[in-house]
Protein backbone atom coordinates (compact mmCIF):
# COMPACT_ATOMS: atom_id res chain seq x y z
CA UNK A 1 -23.50 -0.30 -0.84
CA UNK A 2 -26.59 0.87 0.00
CA UNK A 3 -28.10 4.28 -0.79
CA UNK A 4 -27.96 6.97 2.04
CA UNK A 5 -30.51 9.26 -0.47
CA UNK A 6 -33.29 8.34 -2.48
CA UNK A 7 -33.68 9.81 -5.63
CA UNK A 8 -34.48 8.13 -9.39
CA UNK A 9 -33.47 9.73 -12.54
CA UNK A 10 -34.66 9.16 -16.01
CA UNK A 11 -31.39 8.99 -18.40
CA UNK A 12 -30.35 5.24 -18.17
CA UNK A 13 -26.61 4.46 -16.25
CA UNK A 14 -25.00 6.30 -13.51
CA UNK A 15 -22.68 9.37 -13.29
CA UNK A 16 -20.42 9.42 -10.95
CA UNK A 17 -18.75 12.78 -9.90
CA UNK A 18 -16.37 14.66 -7.59
CA UNK A 19 -15.30 18.28 -6.96
CA UNK A 20 -12.19 19.59 -6.81
CA UNK A 21 -12.79 23.30 -6.20
CA UNK A 22 -14.69 24.31 -8.69
CA UNK A 23 -13.25 21.17 -11.15
CA UNK A 24 -15.92 18.49 -11.52
CA UNK A 25 -14.31 15.18 -12.03
CA UNK A 26 -16.92 12.99 -13.86
CA UNK A 27 -17.71 9.29 -15.44
CA UNK A 28 -20.84 8.42 -17.06
CA UNK A 29 -21.24 4.59 -17.80
CA UNK A 30 -24.53 2.42 -19.04
CA UNK A 31 -25.04 -1.19 -19.16
CA UNK A 32 -25.84 -2.93 -22.35
CA UNK A 33 -28.96 -5.95 -22.25
CA UNK A 34 -26.15 -8.21 -22.98
CA UNK A 35 -24.19 -7.11 -20.06
CA UNK A 36 -21.90 -4.96 -21.49
CA UNK A 37 -20.49 -1.91 -19.64
CA UNK A 38 -19.96 1.26 -21.78
CA UNK A 39 -18.51 4.55 -20.98
CA UNK A 40 -20.66 7.17 -22.53
CA UNK A 41 -18.67 10.47 -21.56
CA UNK A 42 -15.87 10.86 -18.94
CA UNK A 43 -13.34 13.96 -17.75
CA UNK A 44 -12.99 16.99 -15.88
CA UNK A 45 -15.03 20.32 -16.39
CA UNK A 46 -15.77 23.28 -14.44
CA UNK A 47 -18.52 22.20 -12.38
CA UNK A 48 -22.23 23.49 -12.83
CA UNK A 49 -21.57 23.66 -16.59
CA UNK A 50 -22.89 20.29 -17.55
CA UNK A 51 -26.82 19.94 -17.53
CA UNK A 52 -27.37 17.01 -15.36
CA UNK A 53 -31.62 16.85 -14.83
CA UNK A 54 -32.43 13.12 -14.85
CA UNK A 55 -29.49 11.81 -14.69
CA UNK A 56 -28.98 9.29 -11.31
CA UNK A 57 -25.36 10.80 -9.78
CA UNK A 58 -23.60 9.17 -7.09
CA UNK A 59 -20.01 10.25 -5.67
CA UNK A 60 -17.59 8.23 -4.37
CA UNK A 61 -16.02 9.19 -1.08
CA UNK A 62 -12.45 9.50 -0.51
CA UNK A 63 -10.25 7.45 2.03
CA UNK A 64 -10.19 9.31 4.71
CA UNK A 65 -13.74 10.11 5.06
CA UNK A 66 -14.93 6.88 6.77
CA UNK A 67 -14.24 3.66 8.06
CA UNK A 68 -14.78 0.56 6.36
CA UNK A 69 -14.82 -2.18 8.89
CA UNK A 70 -15.29 -5.53 9.16
CA UNK A 71 -17.15 -7.04 12.09
CA UNK A 72 -18.74 -10.04 12.82
CA UNK A 73 -22.47 -9.91 11.99
CA UNK A 74 -24.92 -9.85 15.06
CA UNK A 75 -27.36 -12.36 15.49
CA UNK A 76 -30.49 -10.21 15.12
CA UNK A 77 -33.46 -10.68 12.98
CA UNK A 78 -33.11 -8.43 9.75
CA UNK A 79 -34.92 -5.58 10.52
CA UNK A 80 -32.66 -5.11 14.11
CA UNK A 81 -29.76 -5.40 12.13
CA UNK A 82 -28.76 -1.37 11.23
CA UNK A 83 -29.03 -0.53 15.04
CA UNK A 84 -27.51 -3.47 16.92
CA UNK A 85 -24.32 -2.66 14.39
CA UNK A 86 -24.05 0.62 15.22
CA UNK A 87 -23.66 -0.50 18.81
CA UNK A 88 -20.90 -2.97 17.48
CA UNK A 89 -19.12 -0.61 16.02
CA UNK A 90 -19.34 2.17 18.44
CA UNK A 91 -16.12 1.45 20.12
CA UNK A 92 -14.53 0.96 16.71
CA UNK A 93 -14.76 5.00 15.45
CA UNK A 94 -12.95 8.25 17.37
CA UNK A 95 -16.06 10.21 17.62
CA UNK A 96 -19.66 9.76 18.97
CA UNK A 97 -21.80 7.11 17.18
CA UNK A 98 -24.81 9.48 17.67
CA UNK A 99 -23.10 11.49 15.10
CA UNK A 100 -22.60 8.77 12.55
CA UNK A 101 -24.06 7.37 9.36
CA UNK A 102 -23.81 3.71 9.80
CA UNK A 103 -24.51 1.19 6.50
CA UNK A 104 -23.62 -2.19 5.86
CA UNK A 105 -22.56 -4.43 3.17
CA UNK A 106 -23.02 -8.44 3.05
CA UNK A 107 -20.34 -10.53 2.73
CA UNK A 108 -22.14 -13.55 0.91
CA UNK A 109 -21.39 -17.57 2.04
CA UNK A 110 -19.23 -19.21 0.22
CA UNK A 111 -21.20 -22.60 -0.01
CA UNK A 112 -18.35 -24.54 1.71
CA UNK A 113 -19.79 -27.67 3.74
CA UNK A 114 -18.98 -26.98 7.29
CA UNK A 115 -18.07 -23.58 7.28
CA UNK A 116 -17.84 -21.50 10.39
CA UNK A 117 -21.30 -20.07 12.32
CA UNK A 118 -19.70 -16.93 12.37
CA UNK A 119 -21.25 -14.28 9.69
CA UNK A 120 -18.43 -11.69 8.60
CA UNK A 121 -20.00 -8.12 7.27
CA UNK A 122 -18.81 -5.23 6.60
CA UNK A 123 -19.86 -1.94 8.40
CA UNK A 124 -19.40 1.71 7.02
CA UNK A 125 -19.44 4.43 9.14
CA UNK A 126 -19.05 8.25 7.83
CA UNK A 127 -19.54 11.68 10.30
CA UNK A 128 -22.96 13.20 9.71
CA UNK A 129 -21.15 16.16 9.09
CA UNK A 130 -19.31 15.56 6.56
CA UNK A 131 -22.06 13.72 4.64
CA UNK A 132 -24.81 16.46 4.89
CA UNK A 133 -21.66 18.81 4.01
CA UNK A 134 -20.90 16.73 0.28
CA UNK A 135 -24.81 16.89 -0.32
CA UNK A 136 -24.81 20.47 -0.02
CA UNK A 137 -21.25 21.09 -2.18
CA UNK A 138 -22.86 18.95 -4.82
CA UNK A 139 -26.18 20.58 -5.07
CA UNK A 140 -25.01 23.45 -5.21
CA UNK A 141 -22.91 22.82 -8.14
CA UNK A 142 -26.60 20.86 -9.93
CA UNK A 143 -25.47 17.83 -9.31
CA UNK A 144 -28.78 15.52 -8.24
CA UNK A 145 -27.15 13.49 -5.97
CA UNK A 146 -29.00 9.99 -5.41
CA UNK A 147 -26.26 7.96 -3.88
CA UNK A 148 -23.07 8.23 -1.82
CA UNK A 149 -20.31 5.22 -2.76
CA UNK A 150 -16.98 4.34 -1.35
CA UNK A 151 -13.91 3.13 -3.04
CA UNK A 152 -14.35 -0.52 -2.09
CA UNK A 153 -17.35 -0.94 -3.72
CA UNK A 154 -16.05 0.88 -6.80
CA UNK A 155 -13.24 -1.14 -7.12
CA UNK A 156 -15.35 -4.40 -6.84
CA UNK A 157 -16.99 -3.17 -10.07
CA UNK A 158 -14.06 -2.97 -11.35
CA UNK A 159 -12.87 -6.26 -10.40
CA UNK A 160 -15.40 -8.15 -11.62
CA UNK A 161 -14.70 -7.68 -15.15
CA UNK A 162 -11.89 -9.06 -14.50
CA UNK A 163 -13.07 -12.60 -12.96
CA UNK A 164 -13.01 -15.91 -14.45
CA UNK A 165 -14.31 -18.97 -13.32
CA UNK A 166 -14.77 -19.79 -10.11
CA UNK A 167 -11.73 -18.11 -8.44
CA UNK A 168 -11.09 -15.70 -6.54
CA UNK A 169 -9.71 -12.25 -7.83
CA UNK A 170 -7.34 -9.85 -5.75
CA UNK A 171 -7.02 -6.34 -7.53
CA UNK A 172 -4.76 -3.32 -6.02
CA UNK A 173 -5.06 0.57 -7.04
CA UNK A 174 -2.56 2.66 -5.51
CA UNK A 175 -3.59 6.72 -5.21
CA UNK A 176 -2.08 9.67 -4.30
CA UNK A 177 -1.49 8.83 -1.09
CA UNK A 178 -1.96 4.88 -0.55
CA UNK A 179 -3.38 1.49 -2.28
CA UNK A 180 -6.35 -0.39 -2.23
CA UNK A 181 -5.99 -3.99 -2.38
CA UNK A 182 -9.64 -5.75 -2.60
CA UNK A 183 -10.19 -9.47 -2.96
CA UNK A 184 -13.66 -10.72 -5.03
CA UNK A 185 -15.20 -14.07 -5.64
CA UNK A 186 -18.47 -14.30 -7.61
CA UNK A 187 -18.91 -10.43 -8.07
CA UNK A 188 -18.96 -10.24 -5.02
CA UNK A 189 -16.25 -7.91 -1.91
CA UNK A 190 -14.92 -10.62 0.44
CA UNK A 191 -12.31 -8.71 1.73
CA UNK A 192 -10.78 -4.77 1.56
CA UNK A 193 -7.28 -3.97 2.90
CA UNK A 194 -5.60 -0.41 3.32
CA UNK A 195 -1.95 -0.46 1.95
CA UNK A 196 0.41 2.68 3.08
CA UNK A 197 2.23 3.29 -0.31
CA UNK A 198 1.10 5.64 -2.90
CA UNK A 199 1.48 5.72 -6.50
CA UNK A 200 4.46 8.28 -6.40
CA UNK A 201 6.27 5.67 -4.69
CA UNK A 202 6.31 2.79 -6.48
CA UNK A 203 9.57 2.91 -8.18
CA UNK A 204 11.29 5.51 -5.77
CA UNK A 205 13.16 4.22 -2.55
CA UNK A 206 11.75 5.52 0.69
CA UNK A 207 15.00 5.28 2.25
CA UNK A 208 13.65 2.63 5.08
CA UNK A 209 14.23 -0.66 5.67
CA UNK A 210 11.98 -2.09 3.35
CA UNK A 211 11.59 -0.10 -0.17
CA UNK A 212 7.88 0.58 -1.55
CA UNK A 213 7.77 -2.54 -3.32
CA UNK A 214 8.90 -5.12 -0.69
CA UNK A 215 6.08 -2.95 1.69
CA UNK A 216 3.40 -3.96 -0.83
CA UNK A 217 4.33 -7.32 -1.63
CA UNK A 218 4.46 -8.14 2.29
CA UNK A 219 0.88 -6.53 2.54
CA UNK A 220 -0.38 -8.92 0.03
CA UNK A 221 0.90 -12.08 1.17
CA UNK A 222 -0.36 -10.90 4.53
CA UNK A 223 -3.82 -10.13 3.19
CA UNK A 224 -3.68 -13.19 1.13
CA UNK A 225 -2.68 -15.24 4.35
CA UNK A 226 -5.81 -14.21 6.47
CA UNK A 227 -8.17 -14.47 3.61
CA UNK A 228 -6.88 -18.13 3.16
CA UNK A 229 -7.48 -18.27 6.96
CA UNK A 230 -11.18 -16.71 6.88
CA UNK A 231 -12.33 -18.52 3.58
CA UNK A 232 -10.37 -21.61 3.11
CA UNK A 233 -12.57 -22.78 0.26
CA UNK A 234 -12.08 -19.97 -1.80
CA UNK A 235 -8.33 -19.73 -4.08
CA UNK A 236 -7.28 -16.55 -5.09
CA UNK A 237 -6.41 -16.92 -8.50
CA UNK A 238 -4.98 -13.81 -10.10
CA UNK A 239 -3.56 -10.52 -9.17
CA UNK A 240 -4.45 -7.55 -10.97
CA UNK A 241 -2.68 -3.96 -10.81
CA UNK A 242 -4.71 -0.96 -11.16
CA UNK A 243 -3.30 1.61 -13.69
CA UNK A 244 -1.00 4.02 -12.49
CA UNK A 245 -0.22 7.66 -13.88
CA UNK A 246 3.74 6.32 -14.53
CA UNK A 247 5.04 3.17 -15.77
CA UNK A 248 6.34 0.85 -13.10
CA UNK A 249 8.20 -2.51 -11.92
CA UNK A 250 5.47 -3.60 -10.11
CA UNK A 251 4.00 -6.27 -12.23
CA UNK A 252 7.63 -7.90 -12.67
CA UNK A 253 8.41 -7.84 -8.77
CA UNK A 254 5.65 -8.89 -8.06
CA UNK A 255 5.22 -11.89 -11.23
CA UNK A 256 8.66 -13.00 -8.82
CA UNK A 257 7.13 -13.51 -5.43
CA UNK A 258 3.74 -14.52 -6.23
CA UNK A 259 2.59 -18.18 -7.57
CA UNK A 260 -0.13 -16.58 -9.45
CA UNK A 261 -0.69 -14.40 -12.78
CA UNK A 262 0.45 -10.57 -12.02
CA UNK A 263 -1.83 -8.76 -14.85
CA UNK A 264 -1.65 -4.71 -15.19
CA UNK A 265 -5.00 -3.57 -16.17
CA UNK A 266 -5.88 -1.35 -19.00
CA UNK A 267 -9.58 -0.36 -18.68
CA UNK A 268 -9.63 -0.17 -22.38
CA UNK A 269 -10.45 -3.91 -22.73
CA UNK A 270 -13.12 -4.56 -20.90
CA UNK A 271 -15.21 -1.33 -21.10
CA UNK A 272 -16.09 0.35 -24.27
CA UNK A 273 -14.92 3.94 -24.73
CA UNK A 274 -16.22 6.33 -27.32
CA UNK A 275 -13.02 8.11 -26.55
CA UNK A 276 -10.43 5.14 -24.93
CA UNK A 277 -8.46 7.09 -22.05
CA UNK A 278 -4.73 6.78 -21.14
CA UNK A 279 -3.53 5.30 -18.14
CA UNK A 280 -2.65 8.44 -16.88
CA UNK A 281 -6.55 9.58 -17.03
CA UNK A 282 -7.51 5.51 -16.23
CA UNK A 283 -5.54 6.02 -12.91
CA UNK A 284 -7.12 9.52 -11.81
CA UNK A 285 -10.76 8.57 -12.89
CA UNK A 286 -10.23 4.71 -11.70
CA UNK A 287 -12.89 5.12 -8.81
CA UNK A 288 -15.15 7.16 -10.57
CA UNK A 289 -15.25 4.51 -13.31
CA UNK A 290 -16.26 1.43 -10.79
CA UNK A 291 -19.22 3.94 -9.02
CA UNK A 292 -20.71 4.43 -12.46
CA UNK A 293 -20.88 0.44 -12.86
CA UNK A 294 -23.40 0.59 -10.39
CA UNK A 295 -26.44 -2.08 -10.86
CA UNK A 296 -29.32 -0.14 -10.93
CA UNK A 297 -30.85 -2.84 -8.72
């Protein structure tokens, strides 16, 4: 996602932080010259205790704090794209468009001959008041904010570490209240969809006609069908499951439903940690780790 703020730091890498009351949750990652990512520090501590002068800081918004919309790219010159995009999404948000900050994220062409001339892209909308309050909150905690990020791009960054060859990769992560399913191709985000199942439900009987695992499988299948219609030339080769706070039977269940490898992600396999985090910590700080894997370019 593009910078909603612009400030340059002096410490290498990115420091991703959020605040929960007076507690700061954070992760700081760096990329080596060889492109290998290392996590220099992570954890939770009282806000304001860590000196962050010179750091490049980002904060990932929570799911309910913004809207992530796929739209058809307006047929206008690049300089007019953001302005045209505001008018395209004004009926898709439930507040005045003048009260929103709008950003965009391109979906790169996949290179297929004869592809549709319709170019999809993502629009991200958030209330100005929410963004301004978040900036003030972080600055009061002495966190020098450079970028405001979102969960879809943070998850894309982690999913890219698991890509192999010229195939698409699906990744699903379950937060407290909902899941996020993304599809990557060549390190770029091509699709994102939210799933109405939280981490605590994965091994619980919901009391509905479809238990949570069935609902997850159904949503993944619908997403794959939609993706195949839109990007027929990109084959999804693997489904990755994000860390969970407790063991689940989801990998086994989905492995019997989809004709592709289904693998549980362990971030210790793709990131270098000074102190390797357990699965519960990986789950709790998942999007912090992803937001910290930000390319300076």
